[in-house]
Amino acid sequence: MRGRTDTVRTVVVLAVPSGLFALAGLWLGGQPGLVIAVVLAVAASTTLYFSSEGLALRSVQARPVPEVDQPLLYRTVCDLARAARQPMPRLYLAPTHAATVFATGRNPRNAAVCVTAGILTLLPERELRAVLGHELAHIYHRDIRASTVAAALASVILWPAQATWMLPPRRGDTSHGTEDRHRIGGLFALLLSPLAAAALRFTAGRARELRGDAAGAELTTDPLALASALRRMEDGTLRRPLRAQPRLRATSALMIANPFRACGGTGFATHPPLAERIARLEALAGHDH
């Protein structure tokens, strides 16, 4: 049932902007414009669907991590996958001190788990196993595809705003010209950010993370370890948060918890309060005993 829900959400995330693009083509070019717009929308949606996983991993500069470099990580994920009787996902490492982890992909056979250097340093083995169980639960309960596609769509939507900030100064450009480009970037962000945020909230959020907590705790049989890891990660975020850049704001919806400071990326908030998650996990541990 969850897999079917994820499929419906994926279709909606791709269909809504494609439909708007088609209407724009009809308005601007009549029937020929509509045909061209539909062809372009189908091509763009197909490309986005199959490239969404790679976009999420590239946003944090993740690279495949060899087993020889992280034997504990491989052993832990392999043991959990075996316990769940499911395929083992590919493992990636992001070179950032921010402590987080996320899963991405289209299905259990085409999935990846990305950990950061920061989380490997921050968490002891028991808590690392707990957060990995949370991410594997997302994969095995088939609720990562829509979120992965939505994160990719949000990255594409926010690209014009980001691009205006990355453009090199033109020859003879004055400080006023630079300010104008930054204003244009701010205008793009103001107009397009709500669309990106809506796509992320539609596919991720409170219910998804709470399900991941419960299913991950069931897989690892250790809800208190996940509760302790969330506390430790919250403290780590206060010390070393991710920068709230457009590409990272989109990918943050996939992450186990908000990786920004409380004031960063609030418009893209897709996670329930950590206090609520911890309380639920502690209650779950109480029911187990």
C-alpha atoms as a PDB file:
ATOM      1  CA  MET A   1       0.000   0.000   0.000  1.00  0.00           C
ATOM      2  CA  ARG A   2       2.812   2.424   0.878  1.00  0.00           C
ATOM      3  CA  GLY A   3       4.523   1.616  -2.417  1.00  0.00           C
ATOM      4  CA  ARG A   4       1.326   2.512  -4.285  1.00  0.00           C
ATOM      5  CA  THR A   5       1.039   5.782  -2.351  1.00  0.00           C
ATOM      6  CA  ASP A   6       4.642   6.621  -3.194  1.00  0.00           C
ATOM      7  CA  THR A   7       3.923   5.940  -6.867  1.00  0.00           C
ATOM      8  CA  VAL A   8       0.902   8.264  -6.840  1.00  0.00           C
ATOM      9  CA  ARG A   9       2.936  11.017  -5.181  1.00  0.00           C
ATOM     10  CA  THR A  10       5.715  10.582  -7.732  1.00  0.00           C
ATOM     11  CA  VAL A  11       3.250  10.891 -10.620  1.00  0.00           C
ATOM     12  CA  VAL A  12       1.720  14.038  -9.104  1.00  0.00           C
ATOM     13  CA  VAL A  13       5.128  15.653  -8.508  1.00  0.00           C
ATOM     14  CA  LEU A  14       6.048  15.119 -12.152  1.00  0.00           C
ATOM     15  CA  ALA A  15       2.616  15.811 -13.640  1.00  0.00           C
ATOM     16  CA  VAL A  16       1.849  19.162 -11.999  1.00  0.00           C
ATOM     17  CA  PRO A  17       4.834  21.141 -13.349  1.00  0.00           C
ATOM     18  CA  SER A  18       4.508  19.325 -16.692  1.00  0.00           C
ATOM     19  CA  GLY A  19       0.866  20.384 -16.896  1.00  0.00           C
ATOM     20  CA  LEU A  20       1.719  23.988 -16.071  1.00  0.00           C
ATOM     21  CA  PHE A  21       4.435  23.946 -18.719  1.00  0.00           C
ATOM     22  CA  ALA A  22       1.985  22.560 -21.279  1.00  0.00           C
ATOM     23  CA  LEU A  23      -0.554  25.284 -20.458  1.00  0.00           C
ATOM     24  CA  ALA A  24       2.158  27.902 -20.856  1.00  0.00           C
ATOM     25  CA  GLY A  25       3.006  26.433 -24.267  1.00  0.00           C
ATOM     26  CA  LEU A  26      -0.657  26.577 -25.296  1.00  0.00           C
ATOM     27  CA  TRP A  27      -0.977  30.169 -24.129  1.00  0.00           C
ATOM     28  CA  LEU A  28       2.188  31.314 -25.862  1.00  0.00           C
ATOM     29  CA  GLY A  29       2.045  29.291 -29.073  1.00  0.00           C
ATOM     30  CA  GLY A  30      -1.402  27.825 -29.494  1.00  0.00           C
ATOM     31  CA  GLN A  31      -1.699  24.190 -30.555  1.00  0.00           C
ATOM     32  CA  PRO A  32       1.863  23.979 -31.987  1.00  0.00           C
ATOM     33  CA  GLY A  33       3.186  25.457 -28.733  1.00  0.00           C
ATOM     34  CA  LEU A  34       1.185  22.908 -26.746  1.00  0.00           C
ATOM     35  CA  VAL A  35       2.646  19.996 -28.737  1.00  0.00           C
ATOM     36  CA  ILE A  36       6.194  21.284 -28.306  1.00  0.00           C
ATOM     37  CA  ALA A  37       5.648  21.914 -24.611  1.00  0.00           C
ATOM     38  CA  VAL A  38       4.223  18.422 -24.022  1.00  0.00           C
ATOM     39  CA  VAL A  39       7.167  16.773 -25.799  1.00  0.00           C
ATOM     40  CA  LEU A  40       9.643  18.839 -23.792  1.00  0.00           C
ATOM     41  CA  ALA A  41       7.779  18.175 -20.531  1.00  0.00           C
ATOM     42  CA  VAL A  42       7.760  14.401 -21.091  1.00  0.00           C
ATOM     43  CA  ALA A  43      11.470  14.440 -21.948  1.00  0.00           C
ATOM     44  CA  ALA A  44      12.283  16.587 -18.901  1.00  0.00           C
ATOM     45  CA  SER A  45      10.185  14.448 -16.551  1.00  0.00           C
ATOM     46  CA  THR A  46      11.803  11.245 -17.790  1.00  0.00           C
ATOM     47  CA  THR A  47      15.282  12.726 -17.399  1.00  0.00           C
ATOM     48  CA  LEU A  48      14.453  14.061 -13.946  1.00  0.00           C
ATOM     49  CA  TYR A  49      13.044  10.721 -12.811  1.00  0.00           C
ATOM     50  CA  PHE A  50      16.112   8.717 -13.776  1.00  0.00           C
ATOM     51  CA  SER A  51      18.665  11.341 -12.702  1.00  0.00           C
ATOM     52  CA  SER A  52      17.051  12.295  -9.379  1.00  0.00           C
ATOM     53  CA  GLU A  53      19.204   9.961  -7.286  1.00  0.00           C
ATOM     54  CA  GLY A  54      22.402  11.296  -8.826  1.00  0.00           C
ATOM     55  CA  LEU A  55      21.324  14.905  -8.264  1.00  0.00           C
ATOM     56  CA  ALA A  56      20.764  14.265  -4.561  1.00  0.00           C
ATOM     57  CA  LEU A  57      24.173  12.623  -4.163  1.00  0.00           C
ATOM     58  CA  ARG A  58      25.976  15.315  -6.167  1.00  0.00           C
ATOM     59  CA  SER A  59      24.365  18.062  -4.090  1.00  0.00           C
ATOM     60  CA  VAL A  60      26.451  16.924  -1.097  1.00  0.00           C
ATOM     61  CA  GLN A  61      29.472  15.943  -3.242  1.00  0.00           C
ATOM     62  CA  ALA A  62      29.054  12.304  -2.217  1.00  0.00           C
ATOM     63  CA  ARG A  63      31.304   9.585  -3.581  1.00  0.00           C
ATOM     64  CA  PRO A  64      31.040   5.778  -3.403  1.00  0.00           C
ATOM     65  CA  VAL A  65      32.841   4.530  -0.313  1.00  0.00           C
ATOM     66  CA  PRO A  66      34.879   1.310  -0.627  1.00  0.00           C
ATOM     67  CA  GLU A  67      34.344  -1.410   1.939  1.00  0.00           C
ATOM     68  CA  VAL A  68      38.039  -1.364   2.820  1.00  0.00           C
ATOM     69  CA  ASP A  69      37.690   2.280   3.941  1.00  0.00           C
ATOM     70  CA  GLN A  70      34.552   1.773   6.066  1.00  0.00           C
ATOM     71  CA  PRO A  71      34.310  -1.890   7.125  1.00  0.00           C
ATOM     72  CA  LEU A  72      32.044  -1.089  10.100  1.00  0.00           C
ATOM     73  CA  LEU A  73      29.604   0.813   7.893  1.00  0.00           C
ATOM     74  CA  TYR A  74      29.459  -2.018   5.375  1.00  0.00           C
ATOM     75  CA  ARG A  75      29.090  -4.690   8.020  1.00  0.00           C
ATOM     76  CA  THR A  76      26.286  -2.819   9.775  1.00  0.00           C
ATOM     77  CA  VAL A  77      24.270  -2.175   6.602  1.00  0.00           C
ATOM     78  CA  CYS A  78      24.835  -5.727   5.381  1.00  0.00           C
ATOM     79  CA  ASP A  79      23.610  -7.190   8.691  1.00  0.00           C
ATOM     80  CA  LEU A  80      20.493  -5.003   8.680  1.00  0.00           C
ATOM     81  CA  ALA A  81      19.719  -5.813   5.041  1.00  0.00           C
ATOM     82  CA  ARG A  82      20.094  -9.506   5.792  1.00  0.00           C
ATOM     83  CA  ALA A  83      17.780  -9.198   8.800  1.00  0.00           C
ATOM     84  CA  ALA A  84      15.181  -7.499   6.612  1.00  0.00           C
ATOM     85  CA  ARG A  85      15.744 -10.038   3.790  1.00  0.00           C
ATOM     86  CA  GLN A  86      16.184  -7.171   1.358  1.00  0.00           C
ATOM     87  CA  PRO A  87      18.894  -6.025  -1.079  1.00  0.00           C
ATOM     88  CA  MET A  88      21.799  -4.062   0.308  1.00  0.00           C
ATOM     89  CA  PRO A  89      21.875  -0.467  -0.993  1.00  0.00           C
ATOM     90  CA  ARG A  90      24.975   1.206  -2.390  1.00  0.00           C
ATOM     91  CA  LEU A  91      26.911   3.269   0.146  1.00  0.00           C
ATOM     92  CA  TYR A  92      28.188   6.814  -0.344  1.00  0.00           C
ATOM     93  CA  LEU A  93      30.208   9.217   1.779  1.00  0.00           C
ATOM     94  CA  ALA A  94      29.778  13.004   1.771  1.00  0.00           C
ATOM     95  CA  PRO A  95      32.874  14.969   2.861  1.00  0.00           C
ATOM     96  CA  THR A  96      31.183  17.336   5.304  1.00  0.00           C
ATOM     97  CA  HIS A  97      31.507  17.750   9.055  1.00  0.00           C
ATOM     98  CA  ALA A  98      27.722  18.170   9.350  1.00  0.00           C
ATOM     99  CA  ALA A  99      26.269  15.033  10.933  1.00  0.00           C
ATOM    100  CA  THR A 100      23.476  13.566   8.819  1.00  0.00           C
ATOM    101  CA  VAL A 101      22.441  10.616   6.670  1.00  0.00           C
ATOM    102  CA  PHE A 102      19.853  10.041   3.951  1.00  0.00           C
ATOM    103  CA  ALA A 103      18.532   7.401   1.574  1.00  0.00           C
ATOM    104  CA  THR A 104      17.728   8.022  -2.061  1.00  0.00           C
ATOM    105  CA  GLY A 105      16.682   6.026  -5.110  1.00  0.00           C
ATOM    106  CA  ARG A 106      13.696   4.598  -6.953  1.00  0.00           C
ATOM    107  CA  ASN A 107      13.196   1.212  -5.255  1.00  0.00           C
ATOM    108  CA  PRO A 108      15.012  -1.255  -2.969  1.00  0.00           C
ATOM    109  CA  ARG A 109      17.086  -2.592  -5.869  1.00  0.00           C
ATOM    110  CA  ASN A 110      18.082   0.891  -7.047  1.00  0.00           C
ATOM    111  CA  ALA A 111      18.785   2.688  -3.791  1.00  0.00           C
ATOM    112  CA  ALA A 112      21.694   4.326  -2.025  1.00  0.00           C
ATOM    113  CA  VAL A 113      22.460   5.417   1.514  1.00  0.00           C
ATOM    114  CA  CYS A 114      24.687   8.452   1.982  1.00  0.00           C
ATOM    115  CA  VAL A 115      26.444   9.138   5.264  1.00  0.00           C
ATOM    116  CA  THR A 116      28.544  12.174   6.075  1.00  0.00           C
ATOM    117  CA  ALA A 117      32.017  12.166   7.527  1.00  0.00           C
ATOM    118  CA  GLY A 118      30.533  14.097  10.430  1.00  0.00           C
ATOM    119  CA  ILE A 119      28.037  11.417  11.426  1.00  0.00           C
ATOM    120  CA  LEU A 120      30.679   8.685  11.297  1.00  0.00           C
ATOM    121  CA  THR A 121      32.747  10.728  13.734  1.00  0.00           C
ATOM    122  CA  LEU A 122      29.857  11.785  15.967  1.00  0.00           C
ATOM    123  CA  LEU A 123      27.921   8.567  16.588  1.00  0.00           C
ATOM    124  CA  PRO A 124      29.061   5.441  18.430  1.00  0.00           C
ATOM    125  CA  GLU A 125      28.453   2.098  16.734  1.00  0.00           C
ATOM    126  CA  ARG A 126      25.112   1.387  18.410  1.00  0.00           C
ATOM    127  CA  GLU A 127      23.629   4.742  17.416  1.00  0.00           C
ATOM    128  CA  LEU A 128      25.063   4.562  13.900  1.00  0.00           C
ATOM    129  CA  ARG A 129      23.288   1.229  13.504  1.00  0.00           C
ATOM    130  CA  ALA A 130      20.050   2.881  14.640  1.00  0.00           C
ATOM    131  CA  VAL A 131      20.149   5.721  12.101  1.00  0.00           C
ATOM    132  CA  LEU A 132      21.116   3.326   9.318  1.00  0.00           C
ATOM    133  CA  GLY A 133      18.136   1.176  10.292  1.00  0.00           C
ATOM    134  CA  HIS A 134      15.922   4.257   9.959  1.00  0.00           C
ATOM    135  CA  GLU A 135      17.180   4.903   6.414  1.00  0.00           C
ATOM    136  CA  LEU A 136      16.883   1.265   5.364  1.00  0.00           C
ATOM    137  CA  ALA A 137      13.304   1.286   6.673  1.00  0.00           C
ATOM    138  CA  HIS A 138      12.557   4.152   4.278  1.00  0.00           C
ATOM    139  CA  ILE A 139      13.987   2.125   1.402  1.00  0.00           C
ATOM    140  CA  TYR A 140      12.299  -1.156   2.242  1.00  0.00           C
ATOM    141  CA  HIS A 141       8.916   0.461   2.900  1.00  0.00           C
ATOM    142  CA  ARG A 142       9.176   2.111  -0.529  1.00  0.00           C
ATOM    143  CA  ASP A 143       8.752   5.737   0.491  1.00  0.00           C
ATOM    144  CA  ILE A 144      11.924   7.258  -0.988  1.00  0.00           C
ATOM    145  CA  ARG A 145      11.059   7.533  -4.695  1.00  0.00           C
ATOM    146  CA  ALA A 146       8.643  10.465  -4.480  1.00  0.00           C
ATOM    147  CA  SER A 147      10.891  12.340  -2.046  1.00  0.00           C
ATOM    148  CA  THR A 148      13.940  11.754  -4.255  1.00  0.00           C
ATOM    149  CA  VAL A 149      12.123  13.043  -7.351  1.00  0.00           C
ATOM    150  CA  ALA A 150      10.712  16.030  -5.423  1.00  0.00           C
ATOM    151  CA  ALA A 151      14.181  16.939  -4.132  1.00  0.00           C
ATOM    152  CA  ALA A 152      15.528  16.827  -7.697  1.00  0.00           C
ATOM    153  CA  LEU A 153      12.612  18.936  -8.948  1.00  0.00           C
ATOM    154  CA  ALA A 154      13.190  21.479  -6.194  1.00  0.00           C
ATOM    155  CA  SER A 155      16.873  21.677  -7.127  1.00  0.00           C
ATOM    156  CA  VAL A 156      15.932  22.360 -10.755  1.00  0.00           C
ATOM    157  CA  ILE A 157      13.333  24.950  -9.738  1.00  0.00           C
ATOM    158  CA  LEU A 158      15.835  26.780  -7.547  1.00  0.00           C
ATOM    159  CA  TRP A 159      18.639  26.683 -10.097  1.00  0.00           C
ATOM    160  CA  PRO A 160      17.847  30.085 -11.725  1.00  0.00           C
ATOM    161  CA  ALA A 161      18.128  31.767  -8.324  1.00  0.00           C
ATOM    162  CA  GLN A 162      21.392  29.984  -7.580  1.00  0.00           C
ATOM    163  CA  ALA A 163      22.811  30.654 -11.045  1.00  0.00           C
ATOM    164  CA  THR A 164      22.476  34.428 -10.727  1.00  0.00           C
ATOM    165  CA  TRP A 165      24.702  34.325  -7.659  1.00  0.00           C
ATOM    166  CA  MET A 166      27.296  32.131  -9.374  1.00  0.00           C
ATOM    167  CA  LEU A 167      27.683  34.230 -12.526  1.00  0.00           C
ATOM    168  CA  PRO A 168      31.152  35.835 -12.744  1.00  0.00           C
ATOM    169  CA  PRO A 169      31.289  39.641 -12.884  1.00  0.00           C
ATOM    170  CA  ARG A 170      30.980  41.044 -16.414  1.00  0.00           C
ATOM    171  CA  ARG A 171      33.790  43.123 -17.798  1.00  0.00           C
ATOM    172  CA  GLY A 172      33.376  46.660 -16.596  1.00  0.00           C
ATOM    173  CA  ASP A 173      30.647  45.563 -14.199  1.00  0.00           C
ATOM    174  CA  THR A 174      30.088  47.872 -11.258  1.00  0.00           C
ATOM    175  CA  SER A 175      28.943  47.089  -7.770  1.00  0.00           C
ATOM    176  CA  HIS A 176      25.496  48.249  -8.876  1.00  0.00           C
ATOM    177  CA  GLY A 177      25.481  45.614 -11.631  1.00  0.00           C
ATOM    178  CA  THR A 178      26.389  42.918  -9.115  1.00  0.00           C
ATOM    179  CA  GLU A 179      23.644  44.124  -6.803  1.00  0.00           C
ATOM    180  CA  ASP A 180      21.148  43.978  -9.692  1.00  0.00           C
ATOM    181  CA  ARG A 181      22.015  40.346 -10.406  1.00  0.00           C
ATOM    182  CA  HIS A 182      21.650  39.520  -6.733  1.00  0.00           C
ATOM    183  CA  ARG A 183      18.255  41.219  -6.715  1.00  0.00           C
ATOM    184  CA  ILE A 184      17.243  39.088  -9.706  1.00  0.00           C
ATOM    185  CA  GLY A 185      18.382  35.995  -7.833  1.00  0.00           C
ATOM    186  CA  GLY A 186      16.385  37.069  -4.818  1.00  0.00           C
ATOM    187  CA  LEU A 187      13.318  37.608  -7.011  1.00  0.00           C
ATOM    188  CA  PHE A 188      13.652  34.116  -8.513  1.00  0.00           C
ATOM    189  CA  ALA A 189      14.010  32.665  -5.036  1.00  0.00           C
ATOM    190  CA  LEU A 190      10.972  34.601  -3.803  1.00  0.00           C
ATOM    191  CA  LEU A 191       8.781  33.413  -6.683  1.00  0.00           C
ATOM    192  CA  LEU A 192      10.011  29.833  -7.068  1.00  0.00           C
ATOM    193  CA  SER A 193      10.886  28.749  -3.537  1.00  0.00           C
ATOM    194  CA  PRO A 194       7.233  28.193  -2.529  1.00  0.00           C
ATOM    195  CA  LEU A 195       6.819  25.787  -5.476  1.00  0.00           C
ATOM    196  CA  ALA A 196       9.906  23.841  -4.460  1.00  0.00           C
ATOM    197  CA  ALA A 197       8.852  23.797  -0.807  1.00  0.00           C
ATOM    198  CA  ALA A 198       5.356  22.594  -1.711  1.00  0.00           C
ATOM    199  CA  ALA A 199       6.767  19.662  -3.699  1.00  0.00           C
ATOM    200  CA  LEU A 200       8.983  18.665  -0.787  1.00  0.00           C
ATOM    201  CA  ARG A 201       6.211  18.925   1.807  1.00  0.00           C
ATOM    202  CA  PHE A 202       3.898  16.868  -0.393  1.00  0.00           C
ATOM    203  CA  THR A 203       6.310  13.941  -0.563  1.00  0.00           C
ATOM    204  CA  ALA A 204       8.076  14.126   2.789  1.00  0.00           C
ATOM    205  CA  GLY A 205       7.297  15.296   6.247  1.00  0.00           C
ATOM    206  CA  ARG A 206       6.011  14.415   9.663  1.00  0.00           C
ATOM    207  CA  ALA A 207       4.231  11.143   8.910  1.00  0.00           C
ATOM    208  CA  ARG A 208       7.071   9.813   6.743  1.00  0.00           C
ATOM    209  CA  GLU A 209       9.747  10.412   9.370  1.00  0.00           C
ATOM    210  CA  LEU A 210       7.635   9.036  12.206  1.00  0.00           C
ATOM    211  CA  ARG A 211       7.024   5.875  10.173  1.00  0.00           C
ATOM    212  CA  GLY A 212      10.740   5.653   9.472  1.00  0.00           C
ATOM    213  CA  ASP A 213      11.514   5.964  13.183  1.00  0.00           C
ATOM    214  CA  ALA A 214       9.070   3.214  14.132  1.00  0.00           C
ATOM    215  CA  ALA A 215      10.070   0.856  11.302  1.00  0.00           C
ATOM    216  CA  GLY A 216      13.772   1.491  11.861  1.00  0.00           C
ATOM    217  CA  ALA A 217      13.411   0.802  15.583  1.00  0.00           C
ATOM    218  CA  GLU A 218      11.615  -2.433  14.744  1.00  0.00           C
ATOM    219  CA  LEU A 219      14.408  -3.453  12.364  1.00  0.00           C
ATOM    220  CA  THR A 220      17.197  -2.737  14.870  1.00  0.00           C
ATOM    221  CA  THR A 221      15.112  -3.679  17.977  1.00  0.00           C
ATOM    222  CA  ASP A 222      16.694  -0.657  19.695  1.00  0.00           C
ATOM    223  CA  PRO A 223      14.458   2.449  19.741  1.00  0.00           C
ATOM    224  CA  LEU A 224      16.462   4.070  22.541  1.00  0.00           C
ATOM    225  CA  ALA A 225      19.597   4.049  20.386  1.00  0.00           C
ATOM    226  CA  LEU A 226      17.778   6.046  17.697  1.00  0.00           C
ATOM    227  CA  ALA A 227      16.443   8.469  20.309  1.00  0.00           C
ATOM    228  CA  SER A 228      19.971   8.982  21.655  1.00  0.00           C
ATOM    229  CA  ALA A 229      21.345   9.430  18.117  1.00  0.00           C
ATOM    230  CA  LEU A 230      18.747  12.111  17.338  1.00  0.00           C
ATOM    231  CA  ARG A 231      19.728  14.017  20.479  1.00  0.00           C
ATOM    232  CA  ARG A 232      23.394  13.797  19.592  1.00  0.00           C
ATOM    233  CA  MET A 233      22.708  14.888  16.014  1.00  0.00           C
ATOM    234  CA  GLU A 234      20.712  17.866  17.226  1.00  0.00           C
ATOM    235  CA  ASP A 235      23.696  18.992  19.310  1.00  0.00           C
ATOM    236  CA  GLY A 236      25.973  18.388  16.328  1.00  0.00           C
ATOM    237  CA  THR A 237      23.780  20.549  14.094  1.00  0.00           C
ATOM    238  CA  LEU A 238      24.006  23.418  16.567  1.00  0.00           C
ATOM    239  CA  ARG A 239      27.800  23.215  16.365  1.00  0.00           C
ATOM    240  CA  ARG A 240      28.266  22.407  12.680  1.00  0.00           C
ATOM    241  CA  PRO A 241      25.138  22.949  10.576  1.00  0.00           C
ATOM    242  CA  LEU A 242      24.963  22.673   6.822  1.00  0.00           C
ATOM    243  CA  ARG A 243      24.876  25.952   4.938  1.00  0.00           C
ATOM    244  CA  ALA A 244      21.318  26.600   3.765  1.00  0.00           C
ATOM    245  CA  GLN A 245      22.177  26.740   0.052  1.00  0.00           C
ATOM    246  CA  PRO A 246      19.416  26.066  -2.516  1.00  0.00           C
ATOM    247  CA  ARG A 247      20.826  22.683  -3.585  1.00  0.00           C
ATOM    248  CA  LEU A 248      21.153  21.582   0.038  1.00  0.00           C
ATOM    249  CA  ARG A 249      17.718  22.849   1.032  1.00  0.00           C
ATOM    250  CA  ALA A 250      16.177  20.520  -1.520  1.00  0.00           C
ATOM    251  CA  THR A 251      18.225  17.490  -0.468  1.00  0.00           C
ATOM    252  CA  SER A 252      17.626  18.191   3.237  1.00  0.00           C
ATOM    253  CA  ALA A 253      14.091  16.809   2.860  1.00  0.00           C
ATOM    254  CA  LEU A 254      15.661  13.370   2.413  1.00  0.00           C
ATOM    255  CA  MET A 255      17.844  13.644   5.500  1.00  0.00           C
ATOM    256  CA  ILE A 256      17.046  12.006   8.825  1.00  0.00           C
ATOM    257  CA  ALA A 257      16.686  15.394  10.541  1.00  0.00           C
ATOM    258  CA  ASN A 258      16.872  19.078   9.662  1.00  0.00           C
ATOM    259  CA  PRO A 259      20.605  19.731   9.106  1.00  0.00           C
ATOM    260  CA  PHE A 260      20.347  23.525   9.347  1.00  0.00           C
ATOM    261  CA  ARG A 261      20.211  25.872  12.294  1.00  0.00           C
ATOM    262  CA  ALA A 262      16.693  26.730  13.474  1.00  0.00           C
ATOM    263  CA  CYS A 263      16.742  29.916  11.367  1.00  0.00           C
ATOM    264  CA  GLY A 264      18.066  28.225   8.227  1.00  0.00           C
ATOM    265  CA  GLY A 265      15.823  26.781   5.552  1.00  0.00           C
ATOM    266  CA  THR A 266      12.666  27.033   7.629  1.00  0.00           C
ATOM    267  CA  GLY A 267      10.510  27.363   4.527  1.00  0.00           C
ATOM    268  CA  PHE A 268      11.609  23.890   3.529  1.00  0.00           C
ATOM    269  CA  ALA A 269      10.959  22.260   6.920  1.00  0.00           C
ATOM    270  CA  THR A 270       9.774  18.708   6.308  1.00  0.00           C
ATOM    271  CA  HIS A 271      10.635  17.031   9.610  1.00  0.00           C
ATOM    272  CA  PRO A 272       8.609  16.747  12.804  1.00  0.00           C
ATOM    273  CA  PRO A 273      10.107  18.239  15.990  1.00  0.00           C
ATOM    274  CA  LEU A 274      12.898  16.079  17.389  1.00  0.00           C
ATOM    275  CA  ALA A 275      11.360  16.240  20.842  1.00  0.00           C
ATOM    276  CA  GLU A 276       8.228  14.525  19.527  1.00  0.00           C
ATOM    277  CA  ARG A 277      10.234  11.857  17.730  1.00  0.00           C
ATOM    278  CA  ILE A 278      12.343  11.135  20.791  1.00  0.00           C
ATOM    279  CA  ALA A 279       9.276  10.922  23.027  1.00  0.00           C
ATOM    280  CA  ARG A 280       7.640   8.425  20.657  1.00  0.00           C
ATOM    281  CA  LEU A 281      10.772   6.286  20.527  1.00  0.00           C
ATOM    282  CA  GLU A 282      11.087   6.282  24.306  1.00  0.00           C
ATOM    283  CA  ALA A 283       7.422   5.309  24.601  1.00  0.00           C
ATOM    284  CA  LEU A 284       8.014   2.537  22.086  1.00  0.00           C
ATOM    285  CA  ALA A 285      10.923   1.270  24.176  1.00  0.00           C
ATOM    286  CA  GLY A 286       8.689   1.309  27.236  1.00  0.00           C
ATOM    287  CA  HIS A 287       6.100  -0.804  25.441  1.00  0.00           C
ATOM    288  CA  ASP A 288       8.836  -3.287  24.500  1.00  0.00           C
ATOM    289  CA  HIS A 289       9.774  -3.902  28.111  1.00  0.00           C
END
